[in-house]
């Protein structure tokens, strides 16, 4: 069905990630590609001045190692990518860059804050130029 599936993940939820990878594999065309993505959120410059200089380098390295471990645990054959920035913007940019025709994204149960701010999943659904499967 799909040639390129992007799966943005939070590293603290390996069971959910495994479930989303299984869904991606089920929907993937033979010869298709799955990409796991983790977005390390950027921090305002005035906060960066107070942090050790290697904090973000370490976060990106840890994210890459975590993604590789998840990909290997799920049978391999999965590309991984780490980006830094605002999650919704980076997920949408990655979807375009990787020519994704499906994004499988997790969603938390909505709370009041989502009605005023909007969750990452809502932003992806609203602005993606490809199909989006929201896993709850």
Protein backbone atom coordinates (compact mmCIF):
# COMPACT_ATOMS: atom_id res chain seq x y z
CA UNK A 1 0.00 0.00 0.00
CA UNK A 2 2.73 2.49 0.98
CA UNK A 3 6.28 2.93 -0.28
CA UNK A 4 7.67 5.13 2.49
CA UNK A 5 6.34 5.18 6.06
CA UNK A 6 7.58 7.71 8.63
CA UNK A 7 7.14 6.73 12.28
CA UNK A 8 7.92 9.56 14.73
CA UNK A 9 8.57 8.08 18.18
CA UNK A 10 9.14 9.03 21.78
CA UNK A 11 11.98 6.93 23.11
CA UNK A 12 10.36 6.35 26.48
CA UNK A 13 7.56 4.24 24.97
CA UNK A 14 9.14 1.10 23.43
CA UNK A 15 5.92 -0.99 23.53
CA UNK A 16 3.99 1.65 21.64
CA UNK A 17 6.82 2.04 19.15
CA UNK A 18 6.89 -1.72 18.53
CA UNK A 19 3.14 -1.64 17.86
CA UNK A 20 3.51 1.27 15.41
CA UNK A 21 6.38 -0.49 13.60
CA UNK A 22 4.22 -3.61 13.26
CA UNK A 23 1.46 -1.49 11.71
CA UNK A 24 3.97 0.13 9.36
CA UNK A 25 5.27 -3.28 8.24
CA UNK A 26 1.70 -4.48 7.62
CA UNK A 27 0.96 -1.46 5.42
CA UNK A 28 4.30 -1.33 3.61
CA UNK A 29 4.70 -2.35 -0.04
CA UNK A 30 7.32 -4.96 -0.83
CA UNK A 31 10.60 -3.08 -1.09
CA UNK A 32 9.21 -0.10 0.83
CA UNK A 33 11.02 1.83 3.53
CA UNK A 34 10.23 2.57 7.18
CA UNK A 35 11.98 5.47 8.90
CA UNK A 36 11.92 5.98 12.67
CA UNK A 37 12.25 9.63 13.67
CA UNK A 38 12.93 11.24 17.02
CA UNK A 39 12.84 15.00 17.47
CA UNK A 40 15.01 16.51 20.19
CA UNK A 41 13.18 19.66 21.16
CA UNK A 42 15.19 22.84 20.88
CA UNK A 43 15.62 25.16 23.83
CA UNK A 44 15.53 28.96 23.93
CA UNK A 45 18.96 30.62 23.70
CA UNK A 46 18.70 32.27 27.12
CA UNK A 47 18.29 28.80 28.65
CA UNK A 48 21.15 27.37 26.56
CA UNK A 49 23.54 29.87 28.14
CA UNK A 50 22.94 28.22 31.52
CA UNK A 51 23.42 24.62 30.32
CA UNK A 52 26.66 22.70 29.75
CA UNK A 53 27.73 22.91 26.11
CA UNK A 54 27.49 19.15 25.50
CA UNK A 55 23.88 18.73 26.66
CA UNK A 56 22.37 18.73 23.19
CA UNK A 57 25.14 16.70 21.60
CA UNK A 58 24.52 14.03 24.23
CA UNK A 59 20.74 14.13 23.73
CA UNK A 60 21.10 13.62 19.98
CA UNK A 61 23.60 10.79 20.44
CA UNK A 62 21.34 9.10 23.00
CA UNK A 63 18.34 9.52 20.69
CA UNK A 64 20.23 7.94 17.76
CA UNK A 65 21.35 5.01 19.92
CA UNK A 66 17.80 4.53 21.21
CA UNK A 67 16.34 4.55 17.69
CA UNK A 68 18.92 2.05 16.45
CA UNK A 69 18.11 -0.25 19.37
CA UNK A 70 14.37 -0.03 18.59
CA UNK A 71 15.00 -0.70 14.90
CA UNK A 72 17.21 -3.70 15.67
CA UNK A 73 14.74 -5.10 18.22
CA UNK A 74 11.97 -5.00 15.64
CA UNK A 75 13.80 -7.07 13.09
CA UNK A 76 16.01 -4.49 11.40
CA UNK A 77 15.71 -3.06 7.92
CA UNK A 78 14.51 0.27 9.33
CA UNK A 79 16.18 3.65 8.76
CA UNK A 80 16.58 6.05 11.68
CA UNK A 81 16.79 9.83 11.87
CA UNK A 82 17.20 12.38 14.66
CA UNK A 83 16.30 16.04 14.23
CA UNK A 84 16.37 19.05 16.52
CA UNK A 85 13.59 21.62 16.64
CA UNK A 86 9.86 21.83 17.11
CA UNK A 87 8.36 18.34 16.79
CA UNK A 88 5.48 19.10 14.42
CA UNK A 89 7.62 21.19 12.06
CA UNK A 90 10.44 18.65 12.01
CA UNK A 91 8.10 15.71 11.43
CA UNK A 92 6.44 17.47 8.50
CA UNK A 93 9.84 18.44 7.03
CA UNK A 94 11.10 14.85 7.40
CA UNK A 95 7.97 13.52 5.69
CA UNK A 96 8.71 15.70 2.67
CA UNK A 97 12.43 14.91 2.68
CA UNK A 98 11.87 11.14 2.87
CA UNK A 99 8.96 11.27 0.39
CA UNK A 100 6.72 9.61 2.97
CA UNK A 101 3.30 8.61 1.75
CA UNK A 102 2.20 7.67 5.29
CA UNK A 103 3.00 9.01 8.76
CA UNK A 104 2.09 6.80 11.72
CA UNK A 105 2.05 8.96 14.84
CA UNK A 106 1.09 8.31 18.44
CA UNK A 107 -1.47 10.47 20.17
CA UNK A 108 -2.11 10.94 23.83
CA UNK A 109 -5.67 11.15 25.09
CA UNK A 110 -6.58 14.79 24.58
CA UNK A 111 -6.78 17.13 27.54
CA UNK A 112 -7.94 20.70 27.89
CA UNK A 113 -4.53 22.05 26.83
CA UNK A 114 -4.99 20.40 23.42
CA UNK A 115 -8.09 22.45 22.74
CA UNK A 116 -6.13 25.68 23.17
CA UNK A 117 -2.63 24.80 22.00
CA UNK A 118 -3.08 21.72 19.83
CA UNK A 119 -1.07 18.54 20.16
CA UNK A 120 1.70 17.50 17.81
CA UNK A 121 -0.53 14.81 16.32
CA UNK A 122 -3.26 17.34 15.58
CA UNK A 123 -0.77 19.60 13.81
CA UNK A 124 0.53 16.69 11.75
CA UNK A 125 -2.98 15.62 10.73
CA UNK A 126 -3.87 19.19 9.81
CA UNK A 127 -0.76 20.03 7.79
CA UNK A 128 0.65 16.77 6.37
CA UNK A 129 0.75 16.35 2.60
CA UNK A 130 0.36 12.59 2.91
CA UNK A 131 -1.85 10.12 4.74
CA UNK A 132 -1.64 10.05 8.54
CA UNK A 133 -2.51 7.15 10.83
CA UNK A 134 -2.98 8.21 14.45
CA UNK A 135 -2.27 5.44 16.96
CA UNK A 136 -4.04 5.82 20.27
